[in-house]
N, C-alpha and C. Protein backbone atom coordinates (compact mmCIF):
# COMPACT_ATOMS: atom_id res chain seq x y z
N MET A 1 -54.78 -0.96 31.55
CA MET A 1 -54.26 -0.27 30.74
C MET A 1 -52.37 0.85 30.74
N PHE A 2 -52.96 1.10 32.12
CA PHE A 2 -51.43 1.26 33.53
C PHE A 2 -50.82 0.55 33.69
N SER A 3 -50.58 -0.72 33.53
CA SER A 3 -50.39 -2.11 33.97
C SER A 3 -48.65 -2.46 33.60
N GLY A 4 -48.43 -1.29 32.42
CA GLY A 4 -46.86 -1.68 31.68
C GLY A 4 -46.08 -0.64 32.69
N LEU A 5 -46.84 0.49 32.83
CA LEU A 5 -45.71 1.89 33.86
C LEU A 5 -45.32 1.45 34.66
N ASP A 6 -44.49 1.91 35.47
CA ASP A 6 -43.26 1.62 36.68
C ASP A 6 -43.83 2.76 37.20
N GLU A 7 -43.44 2.97 38.93
CA GLU A 7 -43.97 3.90 39.54
C GLU A 7 -43.98 5.16 39.47
N LYS A 8 -43.37 5.36 38.72
CA LYS A 8 -42.25 6.93 38.29
C LYS A 8 -43.77 7.44 37.21
N GLU A 9 -43.57 6.68 36.48
CA GLU A 9 -44.80 6.74 35.77
C GLU A 9 -46.09 6.68 35.49
N LYS A 10 -47.05 6.31 36.44
CA LYS A 10 -48.24 6.01 36.71
C LYS A 10 -47.78 7.85 37.61
N ALA A 11 -47.04 7.70 38.93
CA ALA A 11 -47.07 8.84 39.45
C ALA A 11 -47.13 10.40 38.63
N ILE A 12 -46.09 9.81 37.18
CA ILE A 12 -46.73 11.47 35.72
C ILE A 12 -48.65 11.34 36.18
N VAL A 13 -48.61 9.75 35.11
CA VAL A 13 -50.06 9.97 35.54
C VAL A 13 -51.21 10.28 35.85
N VAL A 14 -50.69 10.12 37.51
CA VAL A 14 -51.49 10.61 38.17
C VAL A 14 -51.74 12.01 38.87
N ASP A 15 -50.36 12.36 38.94
CA ASP A 15 -50.10 14.16 38.75
C ASP A 15 -51.03 14.54 37.83
N ALA A 16 -50.91 14.10 36.57
CA ALA A 16 -51.66 14.93 35.33
C ALA A 16 -53.51 15.06 35.22
N MET A 17 -53.96 14.56 36.30
CA MET A 17 -55.38 14.13 36.84
C MET A 17 -55.61 14.94 36.95
N GLU A 18 -57.02 15.72 36.60
CA GLU A 18 -58.16 16.68 37.70
C GLU A 18 -59.22 16.18 37.34
N GLU A 19 -59.65 16.31 38.59
CA GLU A 19 -61.31 15.81 38.46
C GLU A 19 -62.17 16.32 38.13
N LYS A 20 -63.21 16.23 37.49
CA LYS A 20 -64.10 17.05 36.66
C LYS A 20 -65.98 16.46 37.35
N HIS A 21 -66.49 17.10 37.79
CA HIS A 21 -67.63 16.32 37.83
C HIS A 21 -68.74 17.01 36.92
N ALA A 22 -69.67 16.22 36.40
CA ALA A 22 -70.92 16.87 35.06
C ALA A 22 -72.29 16.69 36.02
N LEU A 23 -72.44 17.51 35.47
CA LEU A 23 -74.49 17.41 35.64
C LEU A 23 -75.35 16.44 35.38
N PRO A 24 -76.16 15.83 35.80
CA PRO A 24 -76.94 15.36 34.93
C PRO A 24 -77.79 15.93 34.13
N GLY A 25 -77.56 15.64 33.12
CA GLY A 25 -77.74 15.65 31.53
C GLY A 25 -76.88 16.45 30.31
N GLU A 26 -75.96 16.80 31.62
CA GLU A 26 -74.59 17.73 30.94
C GLU A 26 -73.96 16.37 29.44
N VAL A 27 -73.51 16.98 28.45
CA VAL A 27 -72.85 16.35 27.41
C VAL A 27 -71.50 16.20 28.06
N VAL A 28 -70.91 15.06 28.01
CA VAL A 28 -68.98 15.24 28.50
C VAL A 28 -68.08 15.23 27.42
N ILE A 29 -68.56 14.20 26.42
CA ILE A 29 -68.01 14.37 24.90
C ILE A 29 -68.92 14.18 23.99
N LYS A 30 -68.57 15.25 22.83
CA LYS A 30 -69.46 14.77 21.77
C LYS A 30 -68.73 14.61 20.37
N GLU A 31 -69.32 13.78 19.79
CA GLU A 31 -68.69 13.23 18.49
C GLU A 31 -67.98 15.17 17.71
N GLY A 32 -67.28 14.09 17.10
CA GLY A 32 -66.04 15.24 15.90
C GLY A 32 -64.84 16.26 17.34
N ASP A 33 -65.46 16.18 18.73
CA ASP A 33 -64.54 17.15 19.44
C ASP A 33 -63.30 16.46 19.42
N GLU A 34 -62.25 17.71 19.59
CA GLU A 34 -60.57 16.88 19.81
C GLU A 34 -60.58 16.06 20.77
N GLY A 35 -60.12 14.82 20.40
CA GLY A 35 -59.71 13.97 21.96
C GLY A 35 -58.59 14.36 22.40
N ASP A 36 -58.33 15.48 23.13
CA ASP A 36 -57.45 15.48 24.25
C ASP A 36 -57.44 15.00 25.62
N SER A 37 -58.35 13.99 26.08
CA SER A 37 -58.53 13.82 27.31
C SER A 37 -59.18 12.84 27.24
N LEU A 38 -58.75 12.29 28.35
CA LEU A 38 -58.89 10.68 28.88
C LEU A 38 -60.11 10.44 30.27
N TYR A 39 -61.12 10.14 30.23
CA TYR A 39 -62.39 9.89 31.69
C TYR A 39 -62.24 8.87 31.83
N VAL A 40 -62.39 9.03 33.18
CA VAL A 40 -62.41 7.77 34.10
C VAL A 40 -63.73 8.10 34.97
N VAL A 41 -64.43 6.64 34.54
CA VAL A 41 -65.63 7.47 35.35
C VAL A 41 -65.51 6.83 37.09
N GLY A 42 -65.72 8.00 37.67
CA GLY A 42 -65.74 7.45 39.41
C GLY A 42 -66.94 6.93 39.82
N SER A 43 -68.02 7.19 39.35
CA SER A 43 -69.48 6.69 39.92
C SER A 43 -70.36 7.61 38.86
N GLY A 44 -71.25 7.00 38.99
CA GLY A 44 -72.58 7.73 38.17
C GLY A 44 -72.62 6.36 37.29
N THR A 45 -73.14 6.70 36.18
CA THR A 45 -73.52 6.33 34.89
C THR A 45 -73.28 7.58 33.30
N LEU A 46 -72.68 7.60 32.65
CA LEU A 46 -72.91 7.85 31.49
C LEU A 46 -74.31 6.58 30.38
N SER A 47 -74.74 7.95 29.46
CA SER A 47 -75.03 7.63 28.33
C SER A 47 -75.40 7.41 26.95
N CYS A 48 -74.66 6.54 26.00
CA CYS A 48 -74.43 7.10 24.94
C CYS A 48 -75.37 6.96 23.62
N THR A 49 -74.99 8.69 22.99
CA THR A 49 -75.86 8.32 22.17
C THR A 49 -75.37 8.57 20.83
N LYS A 50 -76.25 8.94 19.50
CA LYS A 50 -75.41 8.88 18.21
C LYS A 50 -76.73 9.38 17.88
N VAL A 51 -76.77 10.55 16.99
CA VAL A 51 -77.14 11.01 16.12
C VAL A 51 -76.81 10.79 14.37
N PHE A 52 -77.48 9.46 14.46
CA PHE A 52 -77.38 9.46 12.97
C PHE A 52 -77.78 9.48 11.19
N LYS A 53 -77.51 9.86 10.64
CA LYS A 53 -78.09 10.74 9.81
C LYS A 53 -79.06 10.46 8.70
N GLY A 54 -79.63 11.61 8.88
CA GLY A 54 -81.03 11.63 8.39
C GLY A 54 -81.90 11.81 9.27
N GLN A 55 -81.84 11.06 10.38
CA GLN A 55 -82.69 11.62 12.21
C GLN A 55 -82.37 12.63 13.01
N ASN A 56 -82.66 12.90 13.11
CA ASN A 56 -83.16 14.25 14.23
C ASN A 56 -82.39 13.99 15.77
N ALA A 57 -83.57 12.97 16.14
CA ALA A 57 -83.23 12.64 17.74
C ALA A 57 -81.53 11.53 17.51
N PRO A 58 -81.05 11.46 19.08
CA PRO A 58 -80.02 10.90 19.08
C PRO A 58 -80.89 9.03 19.15
N THR A 59 -80.04 8.02 19.45
CA THR A 59 -80.06 7.21 19.02
C THR A 59 -79.74 6.54 20.41
N PHE A 60 -80.06 5.87 21.52
CA PHE A 60 -79.27 5.29 22.78
C PHE A 60 -78.61 3.98 22.18
N LEU A 61 -77.04 4.06 22.62
CA LEU A 61 -76.28 3.00 22.06
C LEU A 61 -76.32 1.99 23.36
N LYS A 62 -75.44 3.12 24.36
CA LYS A 62 -75.16 2.22 25.36
C LYS A 62 -75.00 2.79 26.29
N LYS A 63 -74.93 2.00 27.84
CA LYS A 63 -74.89 2.55 29.40
C LYS A 63 -73.80 2.56 29.95
N TYR A 64 -72.69 3.32 30.42
CA TYR A 64 -71.72 3.42 31.22
C TYR A 64 -71.58 3.93 32.27
């Protein structure tokens, strides 16, 4: 994703990063939220779920 950037551009991206820790069970991204962040998972796993129309419970889609 960043291979096309030169060293100065990479430094700008790294300087803009901020570390965030999520607690187990915490929602990190919710469908419909404004897409204003890029997340890089350094450790742990994230489960992707979706509540489909006509359902009340989320359906598991994928583990990251």
